[in-house]
Amino acid sequence: MIVTNQKQFEEILRNLGAEKSIFLVGCGECSTTCRTGGEKELIQMKEKLLSAGKNVTGYVIPKAPCVGSQVLMEFAKQRKAVEAADSILVMACGLGVQSVKENQRKKKPVHAGCDTVFMSTLDKSGKFLFEKCSACGECILDLVGGICPVTQCAKGLLNGPCGGSFGGKCEVDRNKDCVWVLIYNELKEQGKLSDMEKIQKPKDYSKAAKPRSLTLA
């Protein structure tokens, strides 16, 4: 789940500038769940834009706007509305914004309506948990009880805990549990405490070098 926050409307208006006719793009997955780019939010945005003197030519909500084929299909259905727009406002994550930019053939200006915050999981009650994954390109979850220290340790330690951990709490934020204590408890429950004795080599940051790409054979 990619967590987003909707930008302040004043910032959106400033970015739209003199562009009068706007086409809206939402997201049927993450942004809908985050309540930043679902149908309700697009209708609210349309009303705000109309009140600000803008014209909204239409909107689409691809299930996943980060998938180019879905963007192309939705734009084909709304071809005239897209052509009538001066620009496109995307109420989705940064991936969705860039996907729309790359897959709309009229080369309209594309604007971001949301800020991308972090990747998270969603628990059964609908609560977004804190950041879980940094997409670092070198996953060690098998060795740490399925709990990521690269992301959840304030220092990103691969061999922890640090000397500042006290009472099971993090040195940087005493309100948070030390992730290495959580890892210890998890490995103990699994009967795999010996994994704590395995010294991890320094992280190979070349695997996280940007930009990254993947081609499926």
N, C-alpha and C. Protein backbone atom coordinates (compact mmCIF):
# COMPACT_ATOMS: atom_id res chain seq x y z
N MET A 1 0.84 -1.18 0.00
CA MET A 1 0.00 0.00 0.00
C MET A 1 0.88 1.25 0.00
N ILE A 2 0.68 2.12 -0.99
CA ILE A 2 1.41 3.38 -1.04
C ILE A 2 0.54 4.46 -0.41
N VAL A 3 1.02 5.04 0.67
CA VAL A 3 0.24 6.01 1.44
C VAL A 3 0.47 7.41 0.88
N THR A 4 -0.62 8.13 0.65
CA THR A 4 -0.54 9.50 0.14
C THR A 4 -1.34 10.45 1.02
N ASN A 5 -0.95 11.72 0.99
CA ASN A 5 -1.72 12.82 1.57
C ASN A 5 -2.14 13.75 0.45
N GLN A 6 -3.37 14.20 0.49
CA GLN A 6 -3.81 15.14 -0.53
C GLN A 6 -3.15 16.50 -0.28
N LYS A 7 -2.65 17.11 -1.35
CA LYS A 7 -2.02 18.42 -1.22
C LYS A 7 -3.04 19.47 -0.81
N GLN A 8 -2.56 20.55 -0.21
CA GLN A 8 -3.43 21.67 0.11
C GLN A 8 -3.99 22.24 -1.18
N PHE A 9 -5.26 22.61 -1.17
CA PHE A 9 -5.90 23.08 -2.39
C PHE A 9 -5.22 24.33 -2.93
N GLU A 10 -4.72 25.17 -2.04
CA GLU A 10 -4.03 26.39 -2.48
C GLU A 10 -2.79 26.03 -3.32
N GLU A 11 -2.07 24.98 -2.92
CA GLU A 11 -0.90 24.54 -3.68
C GLU A 11 -1.32 23.99 -5.04
N ILE A 12 -2.42 23.23 -5.06
CA ILE A 12 -2.91 22.68 -6.32
C ILE A 12 -3.28 23.81 -7.28
N LEU A 13 -3.99 24.81 -6.77
CA LEU A 13 -4.37 25.94 -7.61
C LEU A 13 -3.14 26.68 -8.13
N ARG A 14 -2.17 26.85 -7.28
CA ARG A 14 -0.94 27.54 -7.68
C ARG A 14 -0.23 26.78 -8.79
N ASN A 15 -0.21 25.46 -8.68
CA ASN A 15 0.46 24.65 -9.70
C ASN A 15 -0.32 24.64 -11.02
N LEU A 16 -1.65 24.72 -10.94
CA LEU A 16 -2.46 24.76 -12.15
C LEU A 16 -2.30 26.08 -12.89
N GLY A 17 -2.03 27.14 -12.14
CA GLY A 17 -1.79 28.43 -12.76
C GLY A 17 -2.96 28.92 -13.59
N ALA A 18 -2.68 29.30 -14.83
CA ALA A 18 -3.70 29.87 -15.71
C ALA A 18 -4.50 28.82 -16.45
N GLU A 19 -4.19 27.55 -16.26
CA GLU A 19 -4.91 26.48 -16.95
C GLU A 19 -6.35 26.43 -16.44
N LYS A 20 -7.28 26.50 -17.36
CA LYS A 20 -8.69 26.64 -16.98
C LYS A 20 -9.45 25.32 -16.95
N SER A 21 -9.21 24.47 -17.93
CA SER A 21 -9.96 23.22 -18.05
C SER A 21 -9.11 22.05 -17.58
N ILE A 22 -9.61 21.32 -16.59
CA ILE A 22 -8.82 20.29 -15.93
C ILE A 22 -9.51 18.93 -16.07
N PHE A 23 -8.73 17.90 -16.36
CA PHE A 23 -9.21 16.52 -16.35
C PHE A 23 -8.62 15.83 -15.13
N LEU A 24 -9.44 15.09 -14.39
CA LEU A 24 -9.01 14.46 -13.14
C LEU A 24 -8.76 12.97 -13.32
N VAL A 25 -7.71 12.49 -12.66
CA VAL A 25 -7.41 11.05 -12.64
C VAL A 25 -7.29 10.61 -11.19
N GLY A 26 -8.03 9.59 -10.81
CA GLY A 26 -7.94 9.04 -9.46
C GLY A 26 -7.25 7.70 -9.45
N CYS A 27 -7.43 6.96 -8.38
CA CYS A 27 -6.80 5.64 -8.21
C CYS A 27 -7.77 4.73 -7.47
N GLY A 28 -8.04 3.58 -8.08
CA GLY A 28 -9.00 2.66 -7.47
C GLY A 28 -8.44 1.78 -6.39
N GLU A 29 -7.14 1.88 -6.15
CA GLU A 29 -6.50 1.05 -5.13
C GLU A 29 -6.02 1.91 -3.96
N CYS A 30 -4.75 2.25 -3.95
CA CYS A 30 -4.13 2.89 -2.77
C CYS A 30 -4.79 4.22 -2.40
N SER A 31 -4.96 5.12 -3.40
CA SER A 31 -5.51 6.43 -3.08
C SER A 31 -6.96 6.37 -2.65
N THR A 32 -7.70 5.39 -3.18
CA THR A 32 -9.07 5.20 -2.70
C THR A 32 -9.05 4.78 -1.24
N THR A 33 -8.17 3.85 -0.90
CA THR A 33 -8.06 3.38 0.49
C THR A 33 -7.60 4.50 1.41
N CYS A 34 -6.68 5.34 0.92
CA CYS A 34 -6.17 6.46 1.72
C CYS A 34 -7.16 7.63 1.79
N ARG A 35 -8.22 7.56 0.98
CA ARG A 35 -9.22 8.62 0.89
C ARG A 35 -8.61 9.91 0.36
N THR A 36 -7.72 9.76 -0.61
CA THR A 36 -7.10 10.92 -1.25
C THR A 36 -7.39 11.00 -2.74
N GLY A 37 -7.87 9.89 -3.34
CA GLY A 37 -8.08 9.91 -4.78
C GLY A 37 -9.12 8.93 -5.27
N GLY A 38 -10.08 8.61 -4.43
CA GLY A 38 -11.20 7.78 -4.84
C GLY A 38 -12.30 8.64 -5.47
N GLU A 39 -13.42 8.04 -5.80
CA GLU A 39 -14.48 8.79 -6.48
C GLU A 39 -15.01 9.93 -5.62
N LYS A 40 -15.18 9.69 -4.33
CA LYS A 40 -15.66 10.74 -3.44
C LYS A 40 -14.72 11.93 -3.46
N GLU A 41 -13.41 11.66 -3.40
CA GLU A 41 -12.42 12.74 -3.36
C GLU A 41 -12.35 13.49 -4.69
N LEU A 42 -12.52 12.76 -5.80
CA LEU A 42 -12.51 13.43 -7.11
C LEU A 42 -13.73 14.34 -7.28
N ILE A 43 -14.89 13.91 -6.79
CA ILE A 43 -16.07 14.75 -6.85
C ILE A 43 -15.88 16.00 -6.00
N GLN A 44 -15.28 15.82 -4.81
CA GLN A 44 -15.00 16.98 -3.95
C GLN A 44 -14.02 17.93 -4.62
N MET A 45 -12.99 17.37 -5.26
CA MET A 45 -12.01 18.20 -5.96
C MET A 45 -12.67 18.94 -7.12
N LYS A 46 -13.55 18.27 -7.84
CA LYS A 46 -14.26 18.92 -8.94
C LYS A 46 -15.04 20.13 -8.43
N GLU A 47 -15.73 19.96 -7.31
CA GLU A 47 -16.52 21.06 -6.74
C GLU A 47 -15.62 22.23 -6.33
N LYS A 48 -14.47 21.91 -5.76
CA LYS A 48 -13.54 22.97 -5.35
C LYS A 48 -13.00 23.72 -6.57
N LEU A 49 -12.67 22.98 -7.60
CA LEU A 49 -12.13 23.61 -8.81
C LEU A 49 -13.18 24.49 -9.49
N LEU A 50 -14.43 24.01 -9.52
CA LEU A 50 -15.50 24.81 -10.10
C LEU A 50 -15.70 26.10 -9.31
N SER A 51 -15.62 26.00 -7.99
CA SER A 51 -15.77 27.18 -7.13
C SER A 51 -14.64 28.17 -7.33
N ALA A 52 -13.49 27.65 -7.77
CA ALA A 52 -12.31 28.51 -7.99
C ALA A 52 -12.26 29.03 -9.42
N GLY A 53 -13.30 28.78 -10.18
CA GLY A 53 -13.36 29.31 -11.53
C GLY A 53 -12.78 28.41 -12.60
N LYS A 54 -12.46 27.18 -12.23
CA LYS A 54 -11.93 26.22 -13.20
C LYS A 54 -13.08 25.43 -13.82
N ASN A 55 -12.78 24.76 -14.91
CA ASN A 55 -13.74 23.84 -15.55
C ASN A 55 -13.17 22.44 -15.49
N VAL A 56 -13.97 21.46 -15.11
CA VAL A 56 -13.54 20.07 -15.06
C VAL A 56 -14.20 19.33 -16.22
N THR A 57 -13.39 18.86 -17.16
CA THR A 57 -13.92 18.23 -18.36
C THR A 57 -14.36 16.79 -18.13
N GLY A 58 -13.85 16.15 -17.07
CA GLY A 58 -14.21 14.78 -16.77
C GLY A 58 -13.22 14.15 -15.83
N TYR A 59 -13.45 12.88 -15.51
CA TYR A 59 -12.49 12.17 -14.64
C TYR A 59 -12.56 10.68 -14.90
N VAL A 60 -11.46 10.01 -14.57
CA VAL A 60 -11.40 8.55 -14.63
C VAL A 60 -10.73 8.06 -13.36
N ILE A 61 -11.04 6.82 -13.00
CA ILE A 61 -10.41 6.20 -11.82
C ILE A 61 -9.90 4.82 -12.24
N PRO A 62 -8.71 4.75 -12.84
CA PRO A 62 -8.14 3.43 -13.14
C PRO A 62 -7.95 2.65 -11.85
N LYS A 63 -8.07 1.34 -11.94
CA LYS A 63 -7.83 0.53 -10.75
C LYS A 63 -6.43 0.78 -10.20
N ALA A 64 -5.46 0.89 -11.12
CA ALA A 64 -4.08 1.18 -10.72
C ALA A 64 -3.47 2.09 -11.78
N PRO A 65 -3.47 3.41 -11.56
CA PRO A 65 -2.94 4.34 -12.57
C PRO A 65 -1.45 4.19 -12.81
N CYS A 66 -0.76 3.43 -11.95
CA CYS A 66 0.66 3.18 -12.19
C CYS A 66 0.86 2.14 -13.29
N VAL A 67 -0.22 1.51 -13.76
CA VAL A 67 -0.16 0.53 -14.84
C VAL A 67 -0.55 1.23 -16.14
N GLY A 68 0.41 1.35 -17.06
CA GLY A 68 0.20 2.12 -18.27
C GLY A 68 -0.98 1.66 -19.10
N SER A 69 -1.19 0.36 -19.21
CA SER A 69 -2.28 -0.16 -20.03
C SER A 69 -3.64 0.29 -19.50
N GLN A 70 -3.76 0.39 -18.17
CA GLN A 70 -5.02 0.84 -17.59
C GLN A 70 -5.27 2.31 -17.88
N VAL A 71 -4.20 3.11 -17.82
CA VAL A 71 -4.32 4.53 -18.13
C VAL A 71 -4.75 4.72 -19.58
N LEU A 72 -4.11 4.02 -20.49
CA LEU A 72 -4.45 4.14 -21.91
C LEU A 72 -5.90 3.74 -22.17
N MET A 73 -6.36 2.68 -21.53
CA MET A 73 -7.72 2.21 -21.72
C MET A 73 -8.73 3.24 -21.21
N GLU A 74 -8.48 3.80 -20.04
CA GLU A 74 -9.40 4.78 -19.46
C GLU A 74 -9.40 6.08 -20.27
N PHE A 75 -8.24 6.49 -20.74
CA PHE A 75 -8.16 7.71 -21.55
C PHE A 75 -8.88 7.52 -22.88
N ALA A 76 -8.82 6.31 -23.44
CA ALA A 76 -9.51 6.04 -24.70
C ALA A 76 -11.02 6.21 -24.53
N LYS A 77 -11.54 5.81 -23.39
CA LYS A 77 -12.98 5.93 -23.11
C LYS A 77 -13.39 7.40 -22.96
N GLN A 78 -12.46 8.23 -22.50
CA GLN A 78 -12.75 9.64 -22.23
C GLN A 78 -11.93 10.55 -23.16
N ARG A 79 -11.72 10.11 -24.38
CA ARG A 79 -10.81 10.82 -25.30
C ARG A 79 -11.19 12.29 -25.47
N LYS A 80 -12.47 12.58 -25.72
CA LYS A 80 -12.88 13.96 -25.96
C LYS A 80 -12.70 14.83 -24.71
N ALA A 81 -12.98 14.25 -23.55
CA ALA A 81 -12.83 15.02 -22.31
C ALA A 81 -11.37 15.31 -22.03
N VAL A 82 -10.49 14.36 -22.34
CA VAL A 82 -9.05 14.59 -22.15
C VAL A 82 -8.56 15.64 -23.14
N GLU A 83 -8.99 15.55 -24.39
CA GLU A 83 -8.57 16.52 -25.40
C GLU A 83 -9.04 17.93 -25.07
N ALA A 84 -10.19 18.06 -24.40
CA ALA A 84 -10.74 19.37 -24.07
C ALA A 84 -10.04 20.02 -22.88
N ALA A 85 -9.23 19.27 -22.18
CA ALA A 85 -8.57 19.78 -20.97
C ALA A 85 -7.27 20.50 -21.30
N ASP A 86 -6.96 21.51 -20.49
CA ASP A 86 -5.66 22.18 -20.60
C ASP A 86 -4.58 21.38 -19.90
N SER A 87 -4.98 20.65 -18.86
CA SER A 87 -4.02 19.86 -18.10
C SER A 87 -4.73 18.74 -17.36
N ILE A 88 -3.94 17.87 -16.75
CA ILE A 88 -4.47 16.70 -16.03
C ILE A 88 -3.99 16.75 -14.58
N LEU A 89 -4.92 16.61 -13.66
CA LEU A 89 -4.60 16.58 -12.23
C LEU A 89 -4.76 15.15 -11.74
N VAL A 90 -3.67 14.56 -11.23
CA VAL A 90 -3.67 13.16 -10.82
C VAL A 90 -3.72 13.06 -9.30
N MET A 91 -4.79 12.46 -8.80
CA MET A 91 -4.97 12.29 -7.36
C MET A 91 -4.48 10.89 -6.97
N ALA A 92 -3.19 10.68 -7.10
CA ALA A 92 -2.59 9.38 -6.82
C ALA A 92 -1.15 9.60 -6.40
N CYS A 93 -0.42 8.51 -6.24
CA CYS A 93 0.98 8.59 -5.81
C CYS A 93 1.86 9.10 -6.96
N GLY A 94 3.13 9.33 -6.67
CA GLY A 94 4.06 9.79 -7.68
C GLY A 94 4.20 8.84 -8.84
N LEU A 95 4.05 7.53 -8.59
CA LEU A 95 4.10 6.55 -9.67
C LEU A 95 2.93 6.78 -10.63
N GLY A 96 1.75 7.03 -10.07
CA GLY A 96 0.58 7.27 -10.90
C GLY A 96 0.73 8.52 -11.74
N VAL A 97 1.27 9.57 -11.14
CA VAL A 97 1.48 10.83 -11.86
C VAL A 97 2.39 10.60 -13.07
N GLN A 98 3.50 9.91 -12.84
CA GLN A 98 4.46 9.69 -13.91
C GLN A 98 3.93 8.73 -14.97
N SER A 99 3.13 7.76 -14.55
CA SER A 99 2.53 6.84 -15.50
C SER A 99 1.55 7.58 -16.40
N VAL A 100 0.76 8.48 -15.84
CA VAL A 100 -0.18 9.28 -16.63
C VAL A 100 0.59 10.15 -17.62
N LYS A 101 1.66 10.76 -17.15
CA LYS A 101 2.47 11.61 -18.03
C LYS A 101 3.00 10.82 -19.23
N GLU A 102 3.45 9.60 -18.98
CA GLU A 102 4.06 8.80 -20.03
C GLU A 102 3.04 8.16 -20.97
N ASN A 103 1.79 8.05 -20.52
CA ASN A 103 0.80 7.30 -21.31
C ASN A 103 -0.37 8.14 -21.81
N GLN A 104 -0.24 9.46 -21.76
CA GLN A 104 -1.28 10.29 -22.37
C GLN A 104 -0.66 10.95 -23.61
N ARG A 105 -1.31 10.70 -24.73
CA ARG A 105 -0.71 10.99 -26.03
C ARG A 105 -0.82 12.44 -26.46
N LYS A 106 -1.63 13.23 -25.78
CA LYS A 106 -1.81 14.62 -26.17
C LYS A 106 -0.80 15.56 -25.53
N LYS A 107 0.08 14.99 -24.72
CA LYS A 107 1.16 15.76 -24.09
C LYS A 107 0.64 16.95 -23.28
N LYS A 108 -0.45 16.70 -22.57
CA LYS A 108 -0.98 17.72 -21.67
C LYS A 108 -0.09 17.85 -20.44
N PRO A 109 0.01 19.03 -19.84
CA PRO A 109 0.72 19.15 -18.56
C PRO A 109 0.03 18.27 -17.51
N VAL A 110 0.83 17.60 -16.70
CA VAL A 110 0.30 16.71 -15.66
C VAL A 110 0.71 17.22 -14.30
N HIS A 111 -0.25 17.32 -13.39
CA HIS A 111 0.00 17.86 -12.05
C HIS A 111 -0.28 16.81 -10.97
N ALA A 112 0.46 16.87 -9.89
CA ALA A 112 0.28 15.96 -8.75
C ALA A 112 -0.69 16.57 -7.74
N GLY A 113 -1.73 15.83 -7.42
CA GLY A 113 -2.69 16.30 -6.43
C GLY A 113 -2.41 15.76 -5.03
N CYS A 114 -1.44 14.85 -4.93
CA CYS A 114 -1.13 14.22 -3.64
C CYS A 114 0.38 14.20 -3.42
N ASP A 115 0.75 14.11 -2.17
CA ASP A 115 2.13 13.86 -1.78
C ASP A 115 2.27 12.39 -1.40
N THR A 116 3.29 11.72 -1.94
CA THR A 116 3.54 10.32 -1.60
C THR A 116 4.34 10.27 -0.31
N VAL A 117 3.84 9.54 0.68
CA VAL A 117 4.43 9.58 2.02
C VAL A 117 5.31 8.36 2.30
N PHE A 118 4.74 7.15 2.22
CA PHE A 118 5.52 5.95 2.48
C PHE A 118 4.74 4.72 2.05
N MET A 119 5.44 3.57 2.06
CA MET A 119 4.77 2.29 1.81
C MET A 119 4.40 1.66 3.15
N SER A 120 3.19 1.14 3.24
CA SER A 120 2.69 0.63 4.51
C SER A 120 1.88 -0.64 4.29
N THR A 121 1.50 -1.25 5.39
CA THR A 121 0.50 -2.31 5.35
C THR A 121 -0.77 -1.77 6.00
N LEU A 122 -1.86 -2.43 5.74
CA LEU A 122 -3.15 -2.03 6.29
C LEU A 122 -3.67 -3.18 7.13
N ASP A 123 -3.93 -2.93 8.42
CA ASP A 123 -4.38 -4.02 9.26
C ASP A 123 -5.87 -4.26 9.08
N LYS A 124 -6.38 -5.29 9.75
CA LYS A 124 -7.77 -5.71 9.53
C LYS A 124 -8.78 -4.68 9.99
N SER A 125 -8.36 -3.74 10.84
CA SER A 125 -9.28 -2.70 11.30
C SER A 125 -9.28 -1.49 10.37
N GLY A 126 -8.40 -1.51 9.36
CA GLY A 126 -8.32 -0.40 8.42
C GLY A 126 -7.31 0.66 8.81
N LYS A 127 -6.44 0.34 9.76
CA LYS A 127 -5.43 1.29 10.23
C LYS A 127 -4.15 1.12 9.41
N PHE A 128 -3.61 2.24 8.94
CA PHE A 128 -2.33 2.20 8.26
C PHE A 128 -1.22 2.05 9.29
N LEU A 129 -0.43 1.01 9.14
CA LEU A 129 0.70 0.82 10.03
C LEU A 129 1.86 1.66 9.52
N PHE A 130 2.87 1.88 10.37
CA PHE A 130 4.01 2.69 9.97
C PHE A 130 4.78 2.03 8.83
N GLU A 131 5.69 2.81 8.29
CA GLU A 131 6.43 2.36 7.12
C GLU A 131 7.07 0.99 7.36
N LYS A 132 6.88 0.09 6.40
CA LYS A 132 7.33 -1.29 6.57
C LYS A 132 8.47 -1.67 5.65
N CYS A 133 8.57 -1.03 4.49
CA CYS A 133 9.54 -1.46 3.47
C CYS A 133 10.15 -0.25 2.79
N SER A 134 11.46 -0.31 2.56
CA SER A 134 12.17 0.77 1.88
C SER A 134 12.54 0.41 0.45
N ALA A 135 12.10 -0.76 -0.02
CA ALA A 135 12.43 -1.22 -1.38
C ALA A 135 13.92 -1.09 -1.63
N CYS A 136 14.71 -1.65 -0.72
CA CYS A 136 16.16 -1.45 -0.75
C CYS A 136 16.88 -2.36 -1.75
N GLY A 137 16.19 -3.36 -2.27
CA GLY A 137 16.80 -4.23 -3.27
C GLY A 137 17.60 -5.38 -2.70
N GLU A 138 17.62 -5.52 -1.39
CA GLU A 138 18.40 -6.59 -0.75
C GLU A 138 17.68 -7.02 0.53
N CYS A 139 16.68 -7.88 0.38
CA CYS A 139 15.79 -8.21 1.48
C CYS A 139 16.41 -9.23 2.43
N ILE A 140 16.36 -8.93 3.73
CA ILE A 140 16.91 -9.84 4.75
C ILE A 140 15.82 -10.32 5.71
N LEU A 141 14.56 -10.21 5.31
CA LEU A 141 13.46 -10.53 6.21
C LEU A 141 13.51 -11.97 6.73
N ASP A 142 14.06 -12.90 5.94
CA ASP A 142 14.16 -14.29 6.39
C ASP A 142 15.05 -14.44 7.61
N LEU A 143 15.97 -13.51 7.78
CA LEU A 143 16.95 -13.62 8.86
C LEU A 143 16.55 -12.85 10.11
N VAL A 144 15.51 -12.04 10.01
CA VAL A 144 15.16 -11.16 11.13
C VAL A 144 13.68 -11.33 11.52
N GLY A 145 13.17 -12.51 11.34
CA GLY A 145 11.80 -12.79 11.80
C GLY A 145 10.74 -12.04 11.05
N GLY A 146 11.03 -11.61 9.82
CA GLY A 146 10.03 -10.90 9.02
C GLY A 146 9.82 -9.46 9.43
N ILE A 147 10.75 -8.90 10.21
CA ILE A 147 10.66 -7.50 10.66
C ILE A 147 11.86 -6.75 10.09
N CYS A 148 11.62 -5.68 9.34
CA CYS A 148 12.70 -5.02 8.60
C CYS A 148 13.42 -3.96 9.43
N PRO A 149 14.70 -4.20 9.78
CA PRO A 149 15.45 -3.18 10.51
C PRO A 149 15.93 -2.04 9.61
N VAL A 150 16.08 -2.31 8.33
CA VAL A 150 16.52 -1.26 7.40
C VAL A 150 15.53 -0.10 7.44
N THR A 151 14.25 -0.44 7.52
CA THR A 151 13.20 0.57 7.51
C THR A 151 12.80 1.00 8.91
N GLN A 152 12.66 0.05 9.83
CA GLN A 152 12.07 0.37 11.12
C GLN A 152 13.06 0.79 12.18
N CYS A 153 14.35 0.55 11.95
CA CYS A 153 15.37 1.08 12.87
C CYS A 153 15.72 2.49 12.42
N ALA A 154 15.69 3.43 13.36
CA ALA A 154 15.99 4.83 13.02
C ALA A 154 17.38 4.97 12.42
N LYS A 155 18.28 4.04 12.73
CA LYS A 155 19.65 4.10 12.22
C LYS A 155 19.89 3.10 11.10
N GLY A 156 18.86 2.32 10.79
CA GLY A 156 18.99 1.33 9.73
C GLY A 156 20.03 0.27 10.02
N LEU A 157 20.17 -0.10 11.27
CA LEU A 157 21.22 -1.05 11.66
C LEU A 157 20.90 -2.47 11.21
N LEU A 158 21.90 -3.13 10.64
CA LEU A 158 21.74 -4.53 10.23
C LEU A 158 22.18 -5.48 11.34
N ASN A 159 22.92 -4.98 12.30
CA ASN A 159 23.36 -5.78 13.45
C ASN A 159 23.09 -4.97 14.70
N GLY A 160 21.97 -5.21 15.32
CA GLY A 160 21.57 -4.37 16.44
C GLY A 160 21.34 -5.17 17.70
N PRO A 161 20.85 -4.54 18.75
CA PRO A 161 20.49 -3.12 18.82
C PRO A 161 21.70 -2.23 19.07
N CYS A 162 21.49 -0.92 18.96
CA CYS A 162 22.58 0.02 19.24
C CYS A 162 22.72 0.20 20.75
N GLY A 163 23.71 0.93 21.16
CA GLY A 163 23.95 1.13 22.59
C GLY A 163 22.95 2.06 23.24
N GLY A 164 22.16 2.75 22.44
CA GLY A 164 21.21 3.70 23.01
C GLY A 164 19.86 3.12 23.33
N SER A 165 19.61 1.89 22.89
CA SER A 165 18.33 1.25 23.19
C SER A 165 18.22 1.03 24.70
N PHE A 166 17.07 1.38 25.29
CA PHE A 166 16.92 1.25 26.75
C PHE A 166 15.48 0.88 27.06
N GLY A 167 15.33 -0.14 27.88
CA GLY A 167 13.99 -0.55 28.29
C GLY A 167 13.13 -0.99 27.13
N GLY A 168 13.77 -1.49 26.09
CA GLY A 168 13.02 -1.95 24.92
C GLY A 168 12.58 -0.84 24.00
N LYS A 169 13.03 0.39 24.27
CA LYS A 169 12.61 1.54 23.48
C LYS A 169 13.78 2.08 22.64
N CYS A 170 13.42 2.79 21.58
CA CYS A 170 14.40 3.34 20.64
C CYS A 170 15.08 4.57 21.23
N GLU A 171 16.37 4.71 20.98
CA GLU A 171 17.11 5.87 21.47
C GLU A 171 16.61 7.16 20.82
N VAL A 172 16.23 7.08 19.55
CA VAL A 172 15.82 8.27 18.82
C VAL A 172 14.41 8.72 19.22
N ASP A 173 13.53 7.75 19.49
CA ASP A 173 12.16 8.05 19.87
C ASP A 173 11.75 7.08 20.98
N ARG A 174 11.71 7.57 22.20
CA ARG A 174 11.42 6.71 23.34
C ARG A 174 9.99 6.21 23.36
N ASN A 175 9.15 6.73 22.48
CA ASN A 175 7.78 6.25 22.40
C ASN A 175 7.65 5.03 21.49
N LYS A 176 8.74 4.70 20.79
CA LYS A 176 8.70 3.57 19.86
C LYS A 176 9.52 2.41 20.38
N ASP A 177 9.03 1.21 20.10
CA ASP A 177 9.78 0.02 20.48
C ASP A 177 11.05 -0.08 19.64
N CYS A 178 12.13 -0.53 20.27
CA CYS A 178 13.35 -0.82 19.53
C CYS A 178 13.07 -2.00 18.61
N VAL A 179 13.29 -1.82 17.31
CA VAL A 179 12.95 -2.89 16.37
C VAL A 179 13.79 -4.13 16.62
N TRP A 180 15.00 -3.96 17.13
CA TRP A 180 15.84 -5.13 17.38
C TRP A 180 15.36 -5.94 18.58
N VAL A 181 14.68 -5.29 19.51
CA VAL A 181 14.04 -6.03 20.60
C VAL A 181 12.86 -6.82 20.04
N LEU A 182 12.11 -6.20 19.13
CA LEU A 182 11.00 -6.91 18.49
C LEU A 182 11.51 -8.10 17.70
N ILE A 183 12.63 -7.91 17.00
CA ILE A 183 13.22 -9.01 16.23
C ILE A 183 13.67 -10.13 17.16
N TYR A 184 14.31 -9.77 18.27
CA TYR A 184 14.76 -10.77 19.26
C TYR A 184 13.58 -11.60 19.75
N ASN A 185 12.51 -10.91 20.15
CA ASN A 185 11.34 -11.61 20.68
C ASN A 185 10.71 -12.52 19.63
N GLU A 186 10.67 -12.07 18.38
CA GLU A 186 10.09 -12.86 17.31
C GLU A 186 10.93 -14.10 17.04
N LEU A 187 12.25 -13.92 16.95
CA LEU A 187 13.14 -15.06 16.69
C LEU A 187 13.11 -16.05 17.85
N LYS A 188 12.99 -15.54 19.07
CA LYS A 188 12.89 -16.40 20.24
C LYS A 188 11.64 -17.25 20.16
N GLU A 189 10.53 -16.65 19.78
CA GLU A 189 9.27 -17.37 19.67
C GLU A 189 9.35 -18.44 18.58
N GLN A 190 10.10 -18.15 17.52
CA GLN A 190 10.24 -19.09 16.42
C GLN A 190 11.31 -20.15 16.67
N GLY A 191 12.05 -20.00 17.77
CA GLY A 191 13.13 -20.92 18.05
C GLY A 191 14.33 -20.72 17.13
N LYS A 192 14.53 -19.48 16.70
CA LYS A 192 15.60 -19.17 15.76
C LYS A 192 16.54 -18.08 16.29
N LEU A 193 16.74 -18.07 17.60
CA LEU A 193 17.60 -17.03 18.17
C LEU A 193 19.04 -17.10 17.64
N SER A 194 19.44 -18.24 17.15
CA SER A 194 20.79 -18.38 16.61
C SER A 194 21.00 -17.45 15.42
N ASP A 195 19.90 -17.05 14.77
CA ASP A 195 20.01 -16.12 13.64
C ASP A 195 20.56 -14.77 14.09
N MET A 196 20.35 -14.44 15.38
CA MET A 196 20.86 -13.17 15.90
C MET A 196 22.39 -13.16 15.94
N GLU A 197 22.98 -14.34 15.95
CA GLU A 197 24.44 -14.44 16.05
C GLU A 197 25.12 -14.30 14.69
N LYS A 198 24.33 -14.30 13.63
CA LYS A 198 24.89 -14.18 12.28
C LYS A 198 25.15 -12.71 11.97
N ILE A 199 26.40 -12.38 11.77
CA ILE A 199 26.77 -11.00 11.48
C ILE A 199 26.45 -10.68 10.01
N GLN A 200 25.65 -9.64 9.83
CA GLN A 200 25.28 -9.24 8.48
C GLN A 200 26.37 -8.35 7.88
N LYS A 201 26.69 -8.60 6.64
CA LYS A 201 27.68 -7.79 5.95
C LYS A 201 27.11 -6.39 5.71
N PRO A 202 27.98 -5.40 5.52
CA PRO A 202 27.49 -4.05 5.21
C PRO A 202 26.55 -4.09 4.01
N LYS A 203 25.56 -3.26 4.04
CA LYS A 203 24.56 -3.26 2.98
C LYS A 203 25.17 -2.87 1.64
N ASP A 204 24.76 -3.57 0.61
CA ASP A 204 25.22 -3.27 -0.75
C ASP A 204 24.27 -2.23 -1.35
N TYR A 205 24.64 -0.96 -1.20
CA TYR A 205 23.74 0.11 -1.64
C TYR A 205 23.68 0.23 -3.15
N SER A 206 24.57 -0.47 -3.85
CA SER A 206 24.49 -0.44 -5.31
C SER A 206 23.19 -1.08 -5.80
N LYS A 207 22.62 -1.99 -4.97
CA LYS A 207 21.37 -2.64 -5.34
C LYS A 207 20.18 -1.71 -5.19
N ALA A 208 20.41 -0.59 -4.50
CA ALA A 208 19.35 0.41 -4.34
C ALA A 208 19.66 1.67 -5.13
N ALA A 209 20.70 1.61 -5.98
CA ALA A 209 21.06 2.77 -6.78
C ALA A 209 19.90 3.16 -7.70
N LYS A 210 19.67 4.43 -7.86
CA LYS A 210 18.54 4.92 -8.63
C LYS A 210 19.02 5.66 -9.87
N PRO A 211 18.24 5.63 -10.97
CA PRO A 211 16.97 4.91 -11.12
C PRO A 211 17.17 3.42 -11.35
N ARG A 212 16.19 2.61 -10.95
CA ARG A 212 16.25 1.17 -11.13
C ARG A 212 15.21 0.73 -12.14
N SER A 213 15.44 -0.42 -12.77
CA SER A 213 14.46 -0.93 -13.73
C SER A 213 14.51 -2.46 -13.69
N LEU A 214 13.47 -3.06 -14.23
CA LEU A 214 13.38 -4.52 -14.30
C LEU A 214 12.67 -4.90 -15.59
N THR A 215 13.26 -5.81 -16.35
CA THR A 215 12.64 -6.31 -17.56
C THR A 215 12.32 -7.77 -17.38
N LEU A 216 11.05 -8.13 -17.54
CA LEU A 216 10.64 -9.53 -17.38
C LEU A 216 10.94 -10.28 -18.67
N ALA A 217 11.55 -11.46 -18.53
CA ALA A 217 11.90 -12.26 -19.70
C ALA A 217 10.65 -12.84 -20.35
